[in-house]
């Protein structure tokens, strides 16, 4: 049993700290200073932290579409990044429909002409992304690939920390800066993972095993 664990660690876990990992580490280290010193307005919709999130998602999107291998899979990843970006701006509501004279307040979809169409259209986009995944049979080799690929441990750990802290901040603490900076950590770590699988040879699947 111990030998199997050692073999799994040796074959599948990569503990190296890459440049993209250091970026995520810096964001993680910035969480407490941001919570303590950053004004609440930086956590508002379209504020500094959300703008950094959108820039990070844009970089992740570019990494995905620029990948030289497994093109269909990385196109799917780019489409998923699109889902995350659209969610961040609430289908555009927090960009185009602020309430005049109010701080961090936006009209609800039910108050906007044809606003009821926003969520169905978003749902159709997600359904199309799922259809793309199924149509291109990206699921067929996924399990085999998961058994073969290297896992960037520290990026995955940082991504999970960002996810867990972001959920805690949103549901228990209700601190906008806390929520947004931990969400930024999630996106930065995720972008690093996409970069590693798209461009680093040690994370790429050998020819003939592509999605």
N, C-alpha and C. Protein backbone atom coordinates (compact mmCIF):
# COMPACT_ATOMS: atom_id res chain seq x y z
N UNK A 1 0.83 -1.21 0.00
CA UNK A 1 0.00 0.00 0.00
C UNK A 1 0.86 1.25 0.00
N UNK A 2 1.86 1.26 0.87
CA UNK A 2 2.76 2.40 0.96
C UNK A 2 3.51 2.60 -0.35
N UNK A 3 3.88 1.47 -0.97
CA UNK A 3 4.60 1.54 -2.24
C UNK A 3 3.72 2.14 -3.33
N UNK A 4 2.42 1.80 -3.32
CA UNK A 4 1.49 2.34 -4.31
C UNK A 4 1.33 3.84 -4.13
N UNK A 5 1.27 4.26 -2.86
CA UNK A 5 1.15 5.70 -2.58
C UNK A 5 2.39 6.44 -3.09
N UNK A 6 3.57 5.87 -2.83
CA UNK A 6 4.81 6.49 -3.29
C UNK A 6 4.84 6.56 -4.81
N UNK A 7 4.40 5.49 -5.47
CA UNK A 7 4.38 5.49 -6.93
C UNK A 7 3.43 6.55 -7.47
N UNK A 8 2.26 6.68 -6.82
CA UNK A 8 1.28 7.69 -7.25
C UNK A 8 1.86 9.09 -7.11
N UNK A 9 2.50 9.34 -5.96
CA UNK A 9 3.10 10.66 -5.73
C UNK A 9 4.17 10.95 -6.76
N UNK A 10 5.00 9.96 -7.03
CA UNK A 10 6.10 10.14 -7.97
C UNK A 10 5.60 10.36 -9.39
N UNK A 11 4.56 9.61 -9.78
CA UNK A 11 4.08 9.65 -11.16
C UNK A 11 3.11 10.79 -11.45
N UNK A 12 2.35 11.21 -10.44
CA UNK A 12 1.23 12.11 -10.73
C UNK A 12 1.27 13.46 -10.03
N UNK A 13 2.07 13.60 -8.99
CA UNK A 13 2.08 14.87 -8.25
C UNK A 13 3.34 15.66 -8.54
N UNK A 14 3.15 16.89 -8.95
CA UNK A 14 4.26 17.78 -9.23
C UNK A 14 4.25 18.91 -8.20
N UNK A 15 5.28 18.94 -7.36
CA UNK A 15 5.35 19.91 -6.26
C UNK A 15 6.21 21.12 -6.61
N UNK A 16 6.62 21.23 -7.87
CA UNK A 16 7.46 22.35 -8.26
C UNK A 16 6.68 23.66 -8.21
N UNK A 17 7.35 24.72 -7.81
CA UNK A 17 6.73 26.04 -7.76
C UNK A 17 7.14 26.81 -9.01
N UNK A 18 6.17 27.07 -9.88
CA UNK A 18 6.41 27.77 -11.15
C UNK A 18 6.15 29.27 -10.98
N UNK A 19 6.47 30.02 -12.01
CA UNK A 19 6.23 31.47 -11.96
C UNK A 19 4.76 31.78 -11.71
N UNK A 20 3.87 31.05 -12.39
CA UNK A 20 2.44 31.28 -12.20
C UNK A 20 1.99 30.89 -10.79
N UNK A 21 2.72 29.94 -10.19
CA UNK A 21 2.42 29.55 -8.80
C UNK A 21 2.77 30.68 -7.85
N UNK A 22 3.91 31.33 -8.10
CA UNK A 22 4.33 32.44 -7.25
C UNK A 22 3.33 33.60 -7.31
N UNK A 23 2.74 33.82 -8.47
CA UNK A 23 1.72 34.87 -8.59
C UNK A 23 0.55 34.55 -7.66
N UNK A 24 0.10 33.29 -7.69
CA UNK A 24 -1.00 32.88 -6.81
C UNK A 24 -0.61 32.97 -5.34
N UNK A 25 0.63 32.62 -5.03
CA UNK A 25 1.10 32.72 -3.65
C UNK A 25 1.07 34.17 -3.17
N UNK A 26 1.51 35.09 -4.03
CA UNK A 26 1.49 36.51 -3.67
C UNK A 26 0.07 37.01 -3.42
N UNK A 27 -0.88 36.54 -4.24
CA UNK A 27 -2.28 36.92 -4.02
C UNK A 27 -2.76 36.36 -2.68
N UNK A 28 -2.39 35.11 -2.39
CA UNK A 28 -2.79 34.50 -1.12
C UNK A 28 -2.22 35.28 0.06
N UNK A 29 -0.96 35.69 -0.04
CA UNK A 29 -0.33 36.46 1.04
C UNK A 29 -0.96 37.84 1.19
N UNK A 30 -1.57 38.33 0.12
CA UNK A 30 -2.17 39.67 0.16
C UNK A 30 -3.58 39.67 0.76
N UNK A 31 -4.14 38.49 1.00
CA UNK A 31 -5.53 38.42 1.47
C UNK A 31 -5.72 39.18 2.78
N UNK A 32 -4.91 38.88 3.79
CA UNK A 32 -5.08 39.52 5.10
C UNK A 32 -4.83 41.02 5.03
N UNK A 33 -3.72 41.49 4.41
CA UNK A 33 -3.55 42.95 4.27
C UNK A 33 -4.72 43.62 3.55
N UNK A 34 -5.27 42.96 2.52
CA UNK A 34 -6.41 43.54 1.80
C UNK A 34 -7.61 43.67 2.73
N UNK A 35 -7.88 42.64 3.51
CA UNK A 35 -9.03 42.66 4.42
C UNK A 35 -8.87 43.76 5.46
N UNK A 36 -7.65 43.92 5.95
CA UNK A 36 -7.39 44.86 7.04
C UNK A 36 -7.34 46.31 6.55
N UNK A 37 -6.70 46.54 5.41
CA UNK A 37 -6.39 47.90 5.01
C UNK A 37 -7.17 48.41 3.78
N UNK A 38 -7.72 47.53 2.98
CA UNK A 38 -8.33 47.97 1.73
C UNK A 38 -9.73 48.52 1.98
N UNK A 39 -10.05 49.70 1.47
CA UNK A 39 -11.41 50.25 1.61
C UNK A 39 -12.44 49.35 0.96
N UNK A 40 -13.64 49.36 1.51
CA UNK A 40 -14.69 48.48 1.02
C UNK A 40 -15.02 48.72 -0.45
N UNK A 41 -14.85 49.95 -0.90
CA UNK A 41 -15.22 50.29 -2.29
C UNK A 41 -14.44 49.46 -3.31
N UNK A 42 -13.25 48.96 -2.93
CA UNK A 42 -12.47 48.14 -3.85
C UNK A 42 -13.10 46.76 -4.06
N UNK A 43 -14.04 46.41 -3.20
CA UNK A 43 -14.76 45.15 -3.36
C UNK A 43 -16.09 45.31 -4.05
N UNK A 44 -16.43 46.53 -4.44
CA UNK A 44 -17.70 46.77 -5.13
C UNK A 44 -17.67 46.14 -6.53
N UNK A 45 -18.87 46.01 -7.10
CA UNK A 45 -18.97 45.62 -8.50
C UNK A 45 -18.24 46.64 -9.36
N UNK A 46 -17.47 46.15 -10.33
CA UNK A 46 -16.65 46.99 -11.21
C UNK A 46 -15.55 47.72 -10.45
N UNK A 47 -15.27 47.31 -9.22
CA UNK A 47 -14.19 47.89 -8.44
C UNK A 47 -12.85 47.27 -8.82
N UNK A 48 -11.81 47.67 -8.10
CA UNK A 48 -10.46 47.23 -8.41
C UNK A 48 -10.35 45.71 -8.44
N UNK A 49 -10.84 45.05 -7.41
CA UNK A 49 -10.66 43.60 -7.30
C UNK A 49 -11.41 42.86 -8.41
N UNK A 50 -12.62 43.30 -8.71
CA UNK A 50 -13.37 42.62 -9.78
C UNK A 50 -12.73 42.88 -11.14
N UNK A 51 -12.19 44.07 -11.34
CA UNK A 51 -11.50 44.35 -12.60
C UNK A 51 -10.27 43.47 -12.75
N UNK A 52 -9.56 43.23 -11.64
CA UNK A 52 -8.41 42.31 -11.67
C UNK A 52 -8.86 40.89 -11.98
N UNK A 53 -10.02 40.52 -11.45
CA UNK A 53 -10.57 39.20 -11.76
C UNK A 53 -10.85 39.06 -13.24
N UNK A 54 -11.47 40.08 -13.82
CA UNK A 54 -11.81 40.02 -15.24
C UNK A 54 -10.55 39.99 -16.12
N UNK A 55 -9.52 40.72 -15.72
CA UNK A 55 -8.25 40.68 -16.45
C UNK A 55 -7.64 39.28 -16.36
N UNK A 56 -7.74 38.67 -15.19
CA UNK A 56 -7.20 37.32 -15.01
C UNK A 56 -7.95 36.33 -15.88
N UNK A 57 -9.27 36.45 -15.93
CA UNK A 57 -10.07 35.55 -16.77
C UNK A 57 -9.75 35.75 -18.24
N UNK A 58 -9.49 36.99 -18.64
CA UNK A 58 -9.10 37.26 -20.02
C UNK A 58 -7.78 36.56 -20.35
N UNK A 59 -6.83 36.63 -19.43
CA UNK A 59 -5.54 35.96 -19.63
C UNK A 59 -5.75 34.45 -19.73
N UNK A 60 -6.61 33.90 -18.87
CA UNK A 60 -6.91 32.47 -18.90
C UNK A 60 -7.52 32.09 -20.24
N UNK A 61 -8.42 32.93 -20.75
CA UNK A 61 -9.06 32.69 -22.04
C UNK A 61 -8.02 32.65 -23.16
N UNK A 62 -7.09 33.60 -23.13
CA UNK A 62 -6.05 33.66 -24.16
C UNK A 62 -5.15 32.43 -24.08
N UNK A 63 -4.77 32.03 -22.87
CA UNK A 63 -3.96 30.82 -22.71
C UNK A 63 -4.67 29.62 -23.33
N UNK A 64 -5.96 29.51 -23.07
CA UNK A 64 -6.72 28.36 -23.56
C UNK A 64 -6.78 28.32 -25.08
N UNK A 65 -7.07 29.45 -25.71
CA UNK A 65 -7.21 29.44 -27.17
C UNK A 65 -5.86 29.39 -27.87
N UNK A 66 -4.77 29.71 -27.15
CA UNK A 66 -3.44 29.67 -27.75
C UNK A 66 -2.76 28.31 -27.56
N UNK A 67 -3.38 27.41 -26.83
CA UNK A 67 -2.79 26.09 -26.60
C UNK A 67 -2.55 25.39 -27.93
N UNK A 68 -1.40 24.72 -28.05
CA UNK A 68 -1.04 24.06 -29.31
C UNK A 68 -1.48 22.60 -29.35
N UNK A 69 -1.88 22.05 -28.22
CA UNK A 69 -2.30 20.66 -28.17
C UNK A 69 -3.74 20.59 -27.69
N UNK A 70 -4.37 19.44 -27.91
CA UNK A 70 -5.74 19.21 -27.41
C UNK A 70 -6.65 20.41 -27.68
N UNK A 71 -6.67 20.86 -28.91
CA UNK A 71 -7.35 22.11 -29.25
C UNK A 71 -8.83 22.10 -28.87
N UNK A 72 -9.51 21.00 -29.14
CA UNK A 72 -10.93 20.96 -28.83
C UNK A 72 -11.16 21.07 -27.34
N UNK A 73 -10.31 20.42 -26.55
CA UNK A 73 -10.46 20.48 -25.10
C UNK A 73 -10.21 21.90 -24.59
N UNK A 74 -9.16 22.53 -25.08
CA UNK A 74 -8.85 23.88 -24.60
C UNK A 74 -9.85 24.91 -25.13
N UNK A 75 -10.45 24.64 -26.28
CA UNK A 75 -11.56 25.50 -26.72
C UNK A 75 -12.72 25.39 -25.73
N UNK A 76 -12.96 24.19 -25.25
CA UNK A 76 -13.99 23.98 -24.23
C UNK A 76 -13.63 24.75 -22.96
N UNK A 77 -12.37 24.70 -22.56
CA UNK A 77 -11.92 25.46 -21.39
C UNK A 77 -12.18 26.94 -21.59
N UNK A 78 -11.88 27.46 -22.78
CA UNK A 78 -12.12 28.88 -23.09
C UNK A 78 -13.60 29.21 -22.94
N UNK A 79 -14.46 28.31 -23.39
CA UNK A 79 -15.91 28.54 -23.27
C UNK A 79 -16.34 28.56 -21.81
N UNK A 80 -15.73 27.71 -21.00
CA UNK A 80 -16.04 27.70 -19.56
C UNK A 80 -15.58 29.00 -18.91
N UNK A 81 -14.42 29.50 -19.33
CA UNK A 81 -13.94 30.79 -18.84
C UNK A 81 -14.97 31.87 -19.17
N UNK A 82 -15.57 31.77 -20.35
CA UNK A 82 -16.62 32.71 -20.73
C UNK A 82 -17.79 32.65 -19.76
N UNK A 83 -18.16 31.45 -19.34
CA UNK A 83 -19.25 31.30 -18.36
C UNK A 83 -18.90 32.04 -17.08
N UNK A 84 -17.66 31.88 -16.61
CA UNK A 84 -17.24 32.53 -15.37
C UNK A 84 -17.25 34.05 -15.52
N UNK A 85 -16.78 34.54 -16.67
CA UNK A 85 -16.72 35.99 -16.88
C UNK A 85 -18.13 36.59 -16.93
N UNK A 86 -19.03 35.91 -17.63
CA UNK A 86 -20.41 36.41 -17.71
C UNK A 86 -21.06 36.41 -16.33
N UNK A 87 -20.77 35.39 -15.55
CA UNK A 87 -21.30 35.33 -14.18
C UNK A 87 -20.79 36.51 -13.35
N UNK A 88 -19.51 36.87 -13.53
CA UNK A 88 -18.93 37.95 -12.73
C UNK A 88 -19.65 39.28 -12.94
N UNK A 89 -20.15 39.51 -14.14
CA UNK A 89 -20.83 40.78 -14.42
C UNK A 89 -22.34 40.60 -14.46
N UNK A 90 -22.80 39.44 -13.95
CA UNK A 90 -24.24 39.16 -13.90
C UNK A 90 -24.89 39.38 -15.25
N UNK A 91 -24.31 38.75 -16.27
CA UNK A 91 -24.82 38.85 -17.64
C UNK A 91 -24.84 40.30 -18.16
N UNK A 92 -23.97 41.13 -17.61
CA UNK A 92 -23.88 42.53 -18.05
C UNK A 92 -24.68 43.50 -17.21
N UNK A 93 -25.46 43.00 -16.27
CA UNK A 93 -26.32 43.88 -15.47
C UNK A 93 -25.50 44.87 -14.65
N UNK A 94 -24.37 44.42 -14.10
CA UNK A 94 -23.58 45.30 -13.25
C UNK A 94 -22.67 46.23 -14.04
N UNK A 95 -22.72 46.12 -15.36
CA UNK A 95 -21.96 47.05 -16.21
C UNK A 95 -22.87 48.12 -16.80
N UNK A 96 -24.03 47.68 -17.28
CA UNK A 96 -24.87 48.59 -18.06
C UNK A 96 -26.06 49.17 -17.30
N UNK A 97 -26.36 48.66 -16.12
CA UNK A 97 -27.59 49.10 -15.46
C UNK A 97 -27.40 49.51 -14.00
N UNK A 98 -26.47 50.45 -13.74
CA UNK A 98 -26.34 50.96 -12.36
C UNK A 98 -27.52 51.88 -12.03
N UNK A 99 -27.86 51.94 -10.76
CA UNK A 99 -28.91 52.85 -10.32
C UNK A 99 -28.29 54.23 -10.12
N UNK A 100 -28.75 55.25 -10.84
CA UNK A 100 -28.16 56.59 -10.72
C UNK A 100 -28.22 57.11 -9.29
N UNK A 101 -27.08 57.65 -8.84
CA UNK A 101 -27.02 58.25 -7.52
C UNK A 101 -26.85 57.26 -6.38
N UNK A 102 -26.82 55.96 -6.68
CA UNK A 102 -26.65 54.94 -5.66
C UNK A 102 -25.26 54.31 -5.76
N UNK A 103 -24.75 53.86 -4.62
CA UNK A 103 -23.43 53.24 -4.58
C UNK A 103 -23.57 51.73 -4.64
N UNK A 104 -22.92 51.13 -5.63
CA UNK A 104 -22.91 49.67 -5.78
C UNK A 104 -24.31 49.08 -5.82
N UNK A 105 -25.23 49.80 -6.47
CA UNK A 105 -26.60 49.33 -6.63
C UNK A 105 -26.94 49.27 -8.11
N UNK A 106 -27.67 48.22 -8.50
CA UNK A 106 -27.97 48.01 -9.91
C UNK A 106 -29.43 47.57 -10.05
N UNK A 107 -30.02 47.97 -11.17
CA UNK A 107 -31.39 47.55 -11.41
C UNK A 107 -31.45 46.03 -11.52
N UNK A 108 -32.52 45.45 -11.03
CA UNK A 108 -32.73 44.03 -11.18
C UNK A 108 -33.26 43.73 -12.57
N UNK A 109 -33.08 42.51 -13.00
CA UNK A 109 -33.51 42.16 -14.35
C UNK A 109 -35.00 42.40 -14.55
N UNK A 110 -35.78 42.19 -13.52
CA UNK A 110 -37.22 42.37 -13.66
C UNK A 110 -37.60 43.84 -13.83
N UNK A 111 -36.66 44.75 -13.49
CA UNK A 111 -36.91 46.18 -13.65
C UNK A 111 -36.41 46.71 -14.99
N UNK A 112 -35.80 45.82 -15.79
CA UNK A 112 -35.19 46.21 -17.06
C UNK A 112 -36.00 45.64 -18.21
N UNK A 113 -36.23 46.48 -19.21
CA UNK A 113 -37.00 46.02 -20.36
C UNK A 113 -36.31 44.83 -21.02
N UNK A 114 -37.06 43.77 -21.21
CA UNK A 114 -36.57 42.51 -21.76
C UNK A 114 -35.50 41.85 -20.88
N UNK A 115 -35.39 42.33 -19.66
CA UNK A 115 -34.38 41.77 -18.75
C UNK A 115 -34.62 40.30 -18.44
N UNK A 116 -35.87 39.88 -18.54
CA UNK A 116 -36.19 38.48 -18.25
C UNK A 116 -35.49 37.52 -19.22
N UNK A 117 -34.99 38.05 -20.36
CA UNK A 117 -34.31 37.20 -21.33
C UNK A 117 -32.88 36.86 -20.92
N UNK A 118 -32.31 37.61 -19.99
CA UNK A 118 -30.89 37.46 -19.66
C UNK A 118 -30.54 36.05 -19.18
N UNK A 119 -31.27 35.58 -18.19
CA UNK A 119 -30.94 34.27 -17.63
C UNK A 119 -31.22 33.12 -18.59
N UNK A 120 -32.33 33.14 -19.34
CA UNK A 120 -32.51 32.08 -20.35
C UNK A 120 -31.40 32.05 -21.39
N UNK A 121 -30.95 33.23 -21.84
CA UNK A 121 -29.87 33.27 -22.82
C UNK A 121 -28.58 32.73 -22.22
N UNK A 122 -28.32 33.10 -20.97
CA UNK A 122 -27.14 32.58 -20.26
C UNK A 122 -27.24 31.07 -20.12
N UNK A 123 -28.43 30.60 -19.80
CA UNK A 123 -28.65 29.16 -19.68
C UNK A 123 -28.43 28.44 -21.00
N UNK A 124 -28.86 29.06 -22.10
CA UNK A 124 -28.65 28.47 -23.42
C UNK A 124 -27.16 28.40 -23.76
N UNK A 125 -26.43 29.44 -23.37
CA UNK A 125 -24.99 29.42 -23.61
C UNK A 125 -24.33 28.27 -22.85
N UNK A 126 -24.70 28.09 -21.58
CA UNK A 126 -24.14 26.99 -20.80
C UNK A 126 -24.53 25.64 -21.40
N UNK A 127 -25.76 25.55 -21.89
CA UNK A 127 -26.21 24.31 -22.53
C UNK A 127 -25.40 24.04 -23.80
N UNK A 128 -25.09 25.11 -24.55
CA UNK A 128 -24.28 24.96 -25.76
C UNK A 128 -22.87 24.50 -25.43
N UNK A 129 -22.30 25.03 -24.33
CA UNK A 129 -20.98 24.59 -23.89
C UNK A 129 -21.00 23.11 -23.54
N UNK A 130 -22.04 22.68 -22.83
CA UNK A 130 -22.18 21.26 -22.50
C UNK A 130 -22.33 20.42 -23.76
N UNK A 131 -23.11 20.93 -24.74
CA UNK A 131 -23.29 20.23 -26.01
C UNK A 131 -21.95 20.10 -26.75
N UNK A 132 -21.15 21.16 -26.72
CA UNK A 132 -19.82 21.13 -27.35
C UNK A 132 -18.98 20.02 -26.73
N UNK A 133 -19.04 19.92 -25.40
CA UNK A 133 -18.29 18.89 -24.67
C UNK A 133 -18.72 17.49 -25.11
N UNK A 134 -20.02 17.29 -25.20
CA UNK A 134 -20.55 15.98 -25.57
C UNK A 134 -20.36 15.68 -27.06
N UNK A 135 -20.61 16.69 -27.90
CA UNK A 135 -20.50 16.50 -29.34
C UNK A 135 -19.10 16.09 -29.75
N UNK A 136 -18.10 16.68 -29.12
CA UNK A 136 -16.72 16.37 -29.44
C UNK A 136 -16.16 15.20 -28.64
N UNK A 137 -17.04 14.56 -27.85
CA UNK A 137 -16.70 13.36 -27.08
C UNK A 137 -15.46 13.58 -26.21
N UNK A 138 -15.42 14.75 -25.59
CA UNK A 138 -14.26 15.07 -24.75
C UNK A 138 -14.22 14.24 -23.48
N UNK A 139 -15.31 13.57 -23.18
CA UNK A 139 -15.38 12.75 -21.97
C UNK A 139 -14.76 11.37 -22.16
N UNK A 140 -14.57 10.94 -23.40
CA UNK A 140 -14.17 9.56 -23.66
C UNK A 140 -12.82 9.22 -23.03
N UNK A 141 -11.83 10.08 -23.26
CA UNK A 141 -10.49 9.79 -22.76
C UNK A 141 -10.17 10.53 -21.46
N UNK A 142 -11.16 11.24 -20.93
CA UNK A 142 -10.87 12.11 -19.78
C UNK A 142 -10.37 11.32 -18.59
N UNK A 143 -11.01 10.21 -18.29
CA UNK A 143 -10.61 9.43 -17.12
C UNK A 143 -9.21 8.84 -17.31
N UNK A 144 -8.93 8.33 -18.51
CA UNK A 144 -7.61 7.78 -18.78
C UNK A 144 -6.54 8.86 -18.66
N UNK A 145 -6.88 10.06 -19.14
CA UNK A 145 -5.92 11.16 -19.06
C UNK A 145 -5.66 11.56 -17.62
N UNK A 146 -6.71 11.55 -16.80
CA UNK A 146 -6.55 11.91 -15.40
C UNK A 146 -5.63 10.94 -14.68
N UNK A 147 -5.58 9.71 -15.18
CA UNK A 147 -4.71 8.71 -14.56
C UNK A 147 -3.27 8.85 -15.03
N UNK A 148 -3.05 9.65 -16.07
CA UNK A 148 -1.72 9.77 -16.65
C UNK A 148 -1.05 11.11 -16.40
N UNK A 149 -1.84 12.17 -16.31
CA UNK A 149 -1.25 13.50 -16.25
C UNK A 149 -0.65 13.82 -14.89
N UNK A 150 0.26 14.76 -14.89
CA UNK A 150 0.81 15.31 -13.66
C UNK A 150 -0.16 16.34 -13.09
N UNK A 151 -0.19 16.44 -11.78
CA UNK A 151 -1.06 17.42 -11.12
C UNK A 151 -0.20 18.49 -10.46
N UNK A 152 -0.39 19.77 -10.81
CA UNK A 152 0.37 20.86 -10.18
C UNK A 152 -0.17 21.12 -8.77
N UNK A 153 0.42 20.49 -7.80
CA UNK A 153 -0.13 20.42 -6.44
C UNK A 153 -0.41 21.80 -5.86
N UNK A 154 0.58 22.68 -5.89
CA UNK A 154 0.43 23.96 -5.18
C UNK A 154 -0.61 24.85 -5.85
N UNK A 155 -0.70 24.83 -7.17
CA UNK A 155 -1.75 25.60 -7.84
C UNK A 155 -3.13 25.08 -7.48
N UNK A 156 -3.26 23.75 -7.43
CA UNK A 156 -4.54 23.16 -7.07
C UNK A 156 -4.91 23.50 -5.64
N UNK A 157 -3.93 23.41 -4.72
CA UNK A 157 -4.19 23.74 -3.32
C UNK A 157 -4.62 25.19 -3.17
N UNK A 158 -3.92 26.09 -3.86
CA UNK A 158 -4.25 27.52 -3.77
C UNK A 158 -5.62 27.80 -4.37
N UNK A 159 -5.95 27.11 -5.46
CA UNK A 159 -7.27 27.28 -6.07
C UNK A 159 -8.37 26.84 -5.09
N UNK A 160 -8.16 25.69 -4.44
CA UNK A 160 -9.16 25.19 -3.48
C UNK A 160 -9.27 26.10 -2.26
N UNK A 161 -8.15 26.66 -1.82
CA UNK A 161 -8.18 27.62 -0.70
C UNK A 161 -9.00 28.84 -1.10
N UNK A 162 -8.76 29.35 -2.30
CA UNK A 162 -9.53 30.50 -2.77
C UNK A 162 -11.01 30.20 -2.84
N UNK A 163 -11.36 29.01 -3.33
CA UNK A 163 -12.75 28.61 -3.43
C UNK A 163 -13.40 28.52 -2.04
N UNK A 164 -12.70 27.86 -1.11
CA UNK A 164 -13.25 27.67 0.24
C UNK A 164 -13.41 29.00 0.98
N UNK A 165 -12.37 29.84 0.92
CA UNK A 165 -12.44 31.13 1.62
C UNK A 165 -13.47 32.06 0.98
N UNK A 166 -13.57 32.00 -0.35
CA UNK A 166 -14.57 32.82 -1.04
C UNK A 166 -15.98 32.45 -0.64
N UNK A 167 -16.24 31.14 -0.54
CA UNK A 167 -17.56 30.67 -0.12
C UNK A 167 -17.85 31.10 1.31
N UNK A 168 -16.83 30.98 2.17
CA UNK A 168 -16.99 31.38 3.58
C UNK A 168 -17.25 32.88 3.67
N UNK A 169 -16.52 33.67 2.91
CA UNK A 169 -16.68 35.13 2.95
C UNK A 169 -18.07 35.54 2.48
N UNK A 170 -18.58 34.86 1.46
CA UNK A 170 -19.88 35.21 0.90
C UNK A 170 -21.02 34.79 1.81
N UNK A 171 -20.93 33.60 2.39
CA UNK A 171 -22.07 33.05 3.13
C UNK A 171 -22.04 33.34 4.62
N UNK A 172 -20.85 33.55 5.19
CA UNK A 172 -20.76 33.70 6.65
C UNK A 172 -20.31 35.09 7.08
N UNK A 173 -19.37 35.67 6.37
CA UNK A 173 -18.77 36.93 6.81
C UNK A 173 -19.43 38.14 6.15
N UNK A 174 -19.82 38.00 4.90
CA UNK A 174 -20.43 39.10 4.12
C UNK A 174 -19.50 40.30 4.04
N UNK A 175 -18.22 40.01 3.79
CA UNK A 175 -17.21 41.05 3.64
C UNK A 175 -16.84 41.10 2.15
N UNK A 176 -17.12 42.23 1.50
CA UNK A 176 -16.93 42.32 0.05
C UNK A 176 -15.47 42.17 -0.36
N UNK A 177 -14.57 42.85 0.37
CA UNK A 177 -13.15 42.75 0.03
C UNK A 177 -12.65 41.33 0.24
N UNK A 178 -13.01 40.72 1.35
CA UNK A 178 -12.63 39.34 1.64
C UNK A 178 -13.12 38.41 0.53
N UNK A 179 -14.36 38.57 0.16
CA UNK A 179 -14.94 37.72 -0.88
C UNK A 179 -14.24 37.90 -2.22
N UNK A 180 -14.02 39.15 -2.62
CA UNK A 180 -13.46 39.40 -3.94
C UNK A 180 -11.98 39.04 -4.04
N UNK A 181 -11.21 39.24 -2.98
CA UNK A 181 -9.78 38.93 -3.06
C UNK A 181 -9.56 37.42 -3.04
N UNK A 182 -10.40 36.68 -2.33
CA UNK A 182 -10.26 35.22 -2.34
C UNK A 182 -10.74 34.64 -3.68
N UNK A 183 -11.73 35.29 -4.27
CA UNK A 183 -12.17 34.89 -5.60
C UNK A 183 -11.06 35.16 -6.61
N UNK A 184 -10.36 36.26 -6.42
CA UNK A 184 -9.22 36.56 -7.28
C UNK A 184 -8.16 35.47 -7.16
N UNK A 185 -7.91 35.01 -5.93
CA UNK A 185 -6.96 33.92 -5.73
C UNK A 185 -7.37 32.68 -6.51
N UNK A 186 -8.66 32.34 -6.46
CA UNK A 186 -9.17 31.19 -7.21
C UNK A 186 -8.89 31.34 -8.69
N UNK A 187 -9.17 32.50 -9.25
CA UNK A 187 -8.99 32.72 -10.68
C UNK A 187 -7.51 32.71 -11.07
N UNK A 188 -6.66 33.30 -10.24
CA UNK A 188 -5.23 33.35 -10.55
C UNK A 188 -4.64 31.93 -10.53
N UNK A 189 -5.01 31.14 -9.52
CA UNK A 189 -4.51 29.77 -9.44
C UNK A 189 -5.03 28.94 -10.61
N UNK A 190 -6.30 29.12 -10.96
CA UNK A 190 -6.89 28.41 -12.09
C UNK A 190 -6.19 28.78 -13.40
N UNK A 191 -5.92 30.05 -13.58
CA UNK A 191 -5.21 30.51 -14.78
C UNK A 191 -3.83 29.88 -14.87
N UNK A 192 -3.18 29.77 -13.71
CA UNK A 192 -1.87 29.10 -13.68
C UNK A 192 -1.96 27.65 -14.11
N UNK A 193 -3.00 26.96 -13.68
CA UNK A 193 -3.19 25.56 -14.07
C UNK A 193 -3.40 25.45 -15.58
N UNK A 194 -4.22 26.33 -16.13
CA UNK A 194 -4.45 26.33 -17.57
C UNK A 194 -3.14 26.57 -18.32
N UNK A 195 -2.35 27.52 -17.83
CA UNK A 195 -1.06 27.81 -18.46
C UNK A 195 -0.15 26.59 -18.44
N UNK A 196 -0.06 25.92 -17.30
CA UNK A 196 0.84 24.77 -17.19
C UNK A 196 0.44 23.65 -18.14
N UNK A 197 -0.84 23.34 -18.21
CA UNK A 197 -1.29 22.26 -19.09
C UNK A 197 -1.22 22.64 -20.56
N UNK A 198 -1.31 23.92 -20.85
CA UNK A 198 -1.28 24.36 -22.25
C UNK A 198 0.14 24.50 -22.80
N UNK A 199 1.12 24.86 -21.93
CA UNK A 199 2.43 25.24 -22.45
C UNK A 199 3.62 24.52 -21.83
N UNK A 200 3.47 23.88 -20.68
CA UNK A 200 4.61 23.21 -20.05
C UNK A 200 4.63 21.74 -20.44
N UNK A 201 5.76 21.29 -21.00
CA UNK A 201 5.85 19.93 -21.53
C UNK A 201 5.62 18.87 -20.47
N UNK A 202 6.06 19.14 -19.24
CA UNK A 202 5.92 18.12 -18.20
C UNK A 202 4.48 17.85 -17.81
N UNK A 203 3.56 18.73 -18.24
CA UNK A 203 2.14 18.55 -17.94
C UNK A 203 1.34 18.11 -19.16
N UNK A 204 1.98 18.04 -20.31
CA UNK A 204 1.26 17.74 -21.53
C UNK A 204 1.22 16.23 -21.79
N UNK A 205 0.11 15.80 -22.40
CA UNK A 205 -0.06 14.40 -22.73
C UNK A 205 0.72 14.09 -24.00
N UNK A 206 1.31 12.89 -24.05
CA UNK A 206 2.08 12.52 -25.22
C UNK A 206 1.18 12.36 -26.44
N UNK A 207 1.77 12.50 -27.60
CA UNK A 207 1.01 12.41 -28.86
C UNK A 207 0.28 11.07 -28.94
N UNK A 208 -0.95 11.11 -29.39
CA UNK A 208 -1.73 9.90 -29.48
C UNK A 208 -2.67 9.74 -28.30
N UNK A 209 -2.49 10.57 -27.25
CA UNK A 209 -3.33 10.49 -26.07
C UNK A 209 -4.12 11.79 -25.88
N UNK A 210 -4.22 12.56 -26.93
CA UNK A 210 -4.89 13.84 -26.83
C UNK A 210 -6.39 13.68 -26.77
N UNK A 211 -7.03 14.76 -26.28
CA UNK A 211 -8.48 14.77 -26.23
C UNK A 211 -9.06 15.08 -27.61
